[in-house]
N, C-alpha and C. Protein backbone atom coordinates (compact mmCIF):
# COMPACT_ATOMS: atom_id res chain seq x y z
N ARG A 1 10.81 -7.18 11.75
CA ARG A 1 11.11 -7.48 10.68
C ARG A 1 12.34 -6.88 9.69
N ILE A 2 12.50 -6.02 10.09
CA ILE A 2 13.41 -4.98 9.92
C ILE A 2 15.23 -4.72 10.86
N LEU A 3 14.39 -5.62 11.60
CA LEU A 3 15.62 -5.02 12.80
C LEU A 3 17.36 -6.12 11.61
N PRO A 4 16.80 -6.70 11.35
CA PRO A 4 18.50 -7.77 10.73
C PRO A 4 18.91 -7.01 10.11
N GLN A 5 17.98 -6.53 9.22
CA GLN A 5 18.79 -5.78 8.48
C GLN A 5 19.35 -4.51 8.03
N ILE A 6 18.75 -3.84 9.72
CA ILE A 6 19.12 -2.52 10.41
C ILE A 6 20.36 -2.49 10.87
N PHE A 7 20.47 -3.72 11.25
CA PHE A 7 21.82 -4.09 12.06
C PHE A 7 22.59 -4.11 10.74
N GLY A 8 22.66 -5.00 10.17
CA GLY A 8 23.39 -5.37 8.91
C GLY A 8 23.87 -4.04 8.19
N PHE A 9 23.54 -3.19 8.41
CA PHE A 9 24.10 -1.37 7.59
C PHE A 9 24.83 -1.33 8.38
N ALA A 10 23.82 -1.52 10.50
CA ALA A 10 25.10 -0.08 10.73
C ALA A 10 26.22 -1.03 10.90
N ILE A 11 25.79 -2.48 10.96
CA ILE A 11 28.19 -3.48 11.04
C ILE A 11 28.72 -3.03 9.46
N TYR A 12 28.04 -2.82 8.48
CA TYR A 12 28.34 -2.65 6.62
C TYR A 12 29.01 -1.06 7.16
N SER A 13 28.61 0.02 8.84
CA SER A 13 28.85 1.59 8.28
C SER A 13 29.52 1.40 9.48
N ALA A 14 30.52 -0.01 9.97
CA ALA A 14 30.95 0.78 11.44
C ALA A 14 32.20 -0.07 10.26
N VAL A 15 32.17 -1.46 9.36
CA VAL A 15 33.24 -1.91 8.81
C VAL A 15 33.64 -0.67 7.80
N ILE A 16 33.79 0.07 6.76
CA ILE A 16 33.78 1.26 6.71
C ILE A 16 34.38 2.52 6.79
N LEU A 17 34.15 2.61 8.67
CA LEU A 17 35.46 3.19 9.04
C LEU A 17 35.70 3.13 10.05
N VAL A 18 35.79 2.47 10.21
CA VAL A 18 37.10 1.74 10.91
C VAL A 18 38.42 1.02 9.28
N LEU A 19 37.64 0.63 8.73
CA LEU A 19 39.00 0.90 7.18
C LEU A 19 39.14 2.16 6.58
N ALA A 20 38.20 3.55 7.16
CA ALA A 20 38.72 4.20 6.32
C ALA A 20 39.72 5.24 7.52
N ARG A 21 39.45 4.99 8.41
CA ARG A 21 40.15 5.65 9.35
C ARG A 21 41.44 4.75 9.92
N HIS A 22 41.41 3.54 9.73
CA HIS A 22 42.68 2.55 9.52
C HIS A 22 44.45 3.15 8.26
N LEU A 23 43.39 2.84 7.58
CA LEU A 23 43.76 3.53 6.10
C LEU A 23 43.98 4.53 6.17
N GLN A 24 43.33 5.59 6.67
CA GLN A 24 43.76 6.96 6.39
C GLN A 24 43.94 7.31 5.76
N LEU A 25 42.52 6.99 4.82
CA LEU A 25 41.48 7.81 3.57
C LEU A 25 41.00 9.18 4.07
N ASP A 26 40.92 9.62 3.02
CA ASP A 26 40.32 11.00 3.34
C ASP A 26 39.28 10.53 2.32
N LEU A 27 38.30 11.10 2.66
CA LEU A 27 36.49 10.32 1.70
C LEU A 27 35.72 11.82 1.92
N SER A 28 36.59 13.30 2.39
CA SER A 28 36.02 14.12 2.32
C SER A 28 35.75 14.95 0.87
N ALA A 29 36.77 14.33 0.28
CA ALA A 29 36.49 14.92 -1.90
C ALA A 29 35.25 14.65 -2.61
N PHE A 30 34.67 13.26 -1.78
CA PHE A 30 33.11 12.55 -1.93
C PHE A 30 31.61 13.79 -1.67
N SER A 31 31.27 14.44 -2.61
CA SER A 31 30.21 14.97 -2.53
C SER A 31 28.88 14.64 -2.12
N ILE A 32 27.87 15.02 -1.75
CA ILE A 32 26.73 14.49 -0.92
C ILE A 32 26.03 14.75 -2.06
N ALA A 33 25.79 15.96 -3.20
CA ALA A 33 25.51 16.21 -3.62
C ALA A 33 24.17 14.82 -5.15
N PRO A 34 25.05 13.83 -4.55
CA PRO A 34 24.79 12.31 -6.12
C PRO A 34 23.47 12.12 -5.21
N PHE A 35 24.24 11.97 -3.74
CA PHE A 35 22.68 11.27 -3.62
C PHE A 35 21.51 12.35 -2.53
N GLY A 36 21.85 13.27 -3.06
CA GLY A 36 20.69 14.20 -2.84
C GLY A 36 19.78 14.54 -4.17
N LEU A 37 20.71 14.12 -5.24
CA LEU A 37 19.81 14.62 -6.61
C LEU A 37 18.65 12.75 -5.69
N VAL A 38 19.36 11.68 -6.08
CA VAL A 38 18.65 10.62 -6.29
C VAL A 38 17.75 11.02 -5.22
N GLY A 39 17.52 11.56 -3.64
CA GLY A 39 17.04 10.99 -3.06
C GLY A 39 15.63 11.69 -3.55
N VAL A 40 15.91 13.41 -4.08
CA VAL A 40 14.87 13.55 -4.78
C VAL A 40 13.76 13.33 -5.87
N THR A 41 14.48 12.70 -6.78
CA THR A 41 13.74 11.98 -7.88
C THR A 41 13.25 10.59 -6.75
N LEU A 42 13.93 10.26 -5.77
CA LEU A 42 12.79 8.98 -5.53
C LEU A 42 12.35 9.22 -4.84
N SER A 43 12.02 10.30 -3.88
CA SER A 43 11.39 10.85 -3.20
C SER A 43 9.83 11.22 -4.17
N ILE A 44 9.88 12.18 -5.41
CA ILE A 44 9.05 12.41 -6.66
C ILE A 44 8.55 10.98 -7.21
N TYR A 45 8.93 10.18 -7.46
CA TYR A 45 8.88 8.61 -7.51
C TYR A 45 7.55 7.89 -6.34
N LEU A 46 8.73 8.25 -5.24
CA LEU A 46 7.37 7.37 -4.74
C LEU A 46 6.48 8.01 -4.07
N SER A 47 6.01 9.19 -4.08
CA SER A 47 4.94 10.34 -4.01
C SER A 47 3.75 10.18 -5.33
N PHE A 48 4.31 10.01 -6.28
CA PHE A 48 3.66 9.42 -7.45
C PHE A 48 2.34 8.22 -7.22
N ARG A 49 3.90 7.29 -7.48
CA ARG A 49 3.34 5.56 -6.38
C ARG A 49 1.80 5.84 -5.70
N ASN A 50 2.67 6.59 -4.34
CA ASN A 50 1.41 6.56 -3.14
C ASN A 50 0.34 7.32 -3.75
N ASN A 51 0.30 8.46 -4.57
CA ASN A 51 -0.60 8.81 -4.50
C ASN A 51 -1.41 7.89 -5.89
N ALA A 52 -0.96 7.27 -6.70
CA ALA A 52 -1.83 6.12 -7.65
C ALA A 52 -1.85 4.96 -6.87
N ALA A 53 -1.71 4.32 -5.55
CA ALA A 53 -2.25 3.87 -5.08
C ALA A 53 -3.24 3.74 -4.41
N TYR A 54 -3.37 5.50 -3.26
CA TYR A 54 -4.59 6.09 -2.45
C TYR A 54 -5.93 5.50 -3.96
N ASP A 55 -6.00 6.19 -5.25
CA ASP A 55 -7.26 6.60 -5.96
C ASP A 55 -7.16 4.94 -6.24
N ARG A 56 -5.75 4.08 -6.33
CA ARG A 56 -6.92 2.36 -6.34
C ARG A 56 -7.96 2.58 -5.26
N TRP A 57 -6.78 2.65 -3.94
CA TRP A 57 -7.83 2.23 -2.60
C TRP A 57 -9.45 3.21 -3.13
N TRP A 58 -9.14 4.36 -3.86
CA TRP A 58 -10.66 5.31 -3.33
C TRP A 58 -11.56 4.67 -4.39
N GLU A 59 -10.77 4.39 -5.68
CA GLU A 59 -11.90 3.54 -5.93
C GLU A 59 -12.69 2.26 -5.66
N ALA A 60 -11.61 1.69 -5.68
CA ALA A 60 -12.34 0.09 -4.88
C ALA A 60 -13.79 0.51 -3.38
N ARG A 61 -13.35 2.39 -2.98
CA ARG A 61 -13.85 1.65 -2.10
C ARG A 61 -14.99 2.61 -2.55
N LYS A 62 -14.76 3.38 -3.55
CA LYS A 62 -15.94 3.62 -4.34
C LYS A 62 -17.49 2.30 -4.90
N LEU A 63 -16.39 1.51 -6.13
CA LEU A 63 -17.02 0.18 -6.58
C LEU A 63 -17.62 -0.77 -4.95
N TRP A 64 -16.81 -0.68 -3.80
CA TRP A 64 -17.37 -1.47 -3.41
C TRP A 64 -18.67 -0.78 -2.25
N GLY A 65 -18.69 0.26 -1.83
CA GLY A 65 -19.68 1.41 -1.13
C GLY A 65 -21.44 0.88 -2.07
N ALA A 66 -20.94 1.17 -3.17
CA ALA A 66 -21.89 1.65 -4.59
C ALA A 66 -22.76 -0.40 -4.74
N LEU A 67 -21.78 -1.39 -4.34
CA LEU A 67 -22.15 -2.58 -4.59
C LEU A 67 -23.05 -2.76 -2.83
N VAL A 68 -22.37 -2.90 -2.17
CA VAL A 68 -23.78 -2.67 -0.71
C VAL A 68 -25.06 -1.89 -1.11
N PHE A 69 -24.88 -1.06 -1.50
CA PHE A 69 -25.78 0.01 -2.19
C PHE A 69 -27.40 -0.99 -2.68
N GLU A 70 -26.50 -1.22 -3.60
CA GLU A 70 -27.24 -2.31 -5.53
C GLU A 70 -27.46 -3.14 -3.84
N ILE A 71 -26.69 -4.28 -3.11
CA ILE A 71 -27.94 -5.80 -2.60
C ILE A 71 -28.55 -5.13 -1.76
N ARG A 72 -27.87 -3.84 -1.05
CA ARG A 72 -29.50 -3.62 -0.32
C ARG A 72 -30.59 -3.09 -0.63
N ASN A 73 -31.09 -2.28 -1.36
CA ASN A 73 -31.30 -2.21 -3.27
C ASN A 73 -32.69 -3.41 -3.81
N LEU A 74 -31.99 -4.18 -3.19
CA LEU A 74 -32.04 -5.27 -3.54
C LEU A 74 -32.97 -6.47 -3.08
N ALA A 75 -31.84 -6.18 -1.38
CA ALA A 75 -32.99 -7.08 -0.50
C ALA A 75 -34.44 -6.15 -0.30
N ARG A 76 -34.51 -4.80 -0.68
CA ARG A 76 -35.81 -4.36 -0.10
C ARG A 76 -36.61 -4.36 -1.33
N ALA A 77 -36.29 -4.58 -3.11
CA ALA A 77 -37.10 -5.47 -3.91
C ALA A 77 -37.71 -6.37 -3.45
N THR A 78 -36.77 -7.22 -3.37
CA THR A 78 -37.18 -8.79 -2.67
C THR A 78 -37.68 -9.21 -1.96
N THR A 79 -37.96 -8.16 -0.21
CA THR A 79 -39.25 -8.39 0.82
C THR A 79 -40.39 -8.03 0.08
N SER A 80 -40.71 -7.27 -1.09
CA SER A 80 -41.78 -6.35 -0.91
C SER A 80 -42.49 -7.30 -2.29
N LEU A 81 -41.10 -7.68 -3.88
CA LEU A 81 -42.15 -7.96 -4.85
C LEU A 81 -42.02 -10.55 -4.39
N ILE A 82 -41.15 -10.53 -4.00
CA ILE A 82 -41.67 -11.89 -3.23
C ILE A 82 -41.92 -12.14 -1.98
N GLY A 83 -42.53 -13.40 -2.13
CA GLY A 83 -43.71 -13.24 -1.38
C GLY A 83 -43.54 -14.38 -0.61
N ASP A 84 -42.85 -15.84 -1.06
CA ASP A 84 -42.34 -16.41 -0.28
C ASP A 84 -40.94 -16.13 0.54
N ARG A 85 -40.87 -16.72 1.69
CA ARG A 85 -40.07 -16.35 2.07
C ARG A 85 -38.45 -16.79 1.87
N ALA A 86 -38.94 -17.99 1.09
CA ALA A 86 -38.54 -18.93 0.66
C ALA A 86 -37.44 -18.65 0.21
N GLU A 87 -38.36 -18.50 -0.88
CA GLU A 87 -37.35 -17.67 -2.13
C GLU A 87 -37.04 -16.91 -2.07
N GLN A 88 -37.05 -15.94 -1.43
CA GLN A 88 -36.08 -14.26 -0.76
C GLN A 88 -34.98 -15.22 -0.30
N ARG A 89 -35.37 -15.81 0.90
CA ARG A 89 -33.38 -15.81 1.51
C ARG A 89 -32.69 -16.71 0.54
N ALA A 90 -33.25 -17.63 -0.92
CA ALA A 90 -32.56 -18.03 -1.29
C ALA A 90 -31.76 -17.02 -2.65
N LEU A 91 -32.69 -16.61 -2.92
CA LEU A 91 -32.04 -14.98 -3.90
C LEU A 91 -31.08 -14.50 -3.38
N LEU A 92 -31.47 -13.65 -1.76
CA LEU A 92 -30.51 -12.93 -1.19
C LEU A 92 -28.93 -13.66 -0.81
N MET A 93 -29.52 -14.74 -0.21
CA MET A 93 -28.02 -15.93 0.07
C MET A 93 -26.66 -15.86 -1.14
N GLU A 94 -27.73 -15.85 -2.38
CA GLU A 94 -27.00 -15.91 -3.04
C GLU A 94 -26.48 -14.81 -3.61
N ALA A 95 -26.85 -13.21 -3.54
CA ALA A 95 -26.45 -11.99 -4.19
C ALA A 95 -24.93 -12.04 -2.80
N LEU A 96 -25.86 -12.94 -1.77
CA LEU A 96 -24.64 -12.58 -0.42
C LEU A 96 -23.15 -13.31 -1.09
N ALA A 97 -24.01 -14.08 -1.62
CA ALA A 97 -22.46 -15.25 -1.93
C ALA A 97 -21.56 -14.61 -3.46
N PHE A 98 -22.55 -13.95 -4.01
CA PHE A 98 -21.69 -12.93 -5.01
C PHE A 98 -21.24 -11.92 -4.18
């Protein structure tokens, strides 16, 4: 899916390089420091976003596990407290639909 974008940026950088060589531009006066600072800032920002996403996923996993645990407990209680199999099934199917 990203292959066209990669080719687009490769062509763009090749055109810049050809123009710089053809026009004999001296690009050595530019420093790479701003790109390094942006890279460090971006990496810190992305690490915070990644940690926040993982925390949300972990919280959802814990909640899903608790829900499964409670549904199993409900199934055990239903089988011991309700004698009619049709009522048991109806109640558990409603819980499953939830």
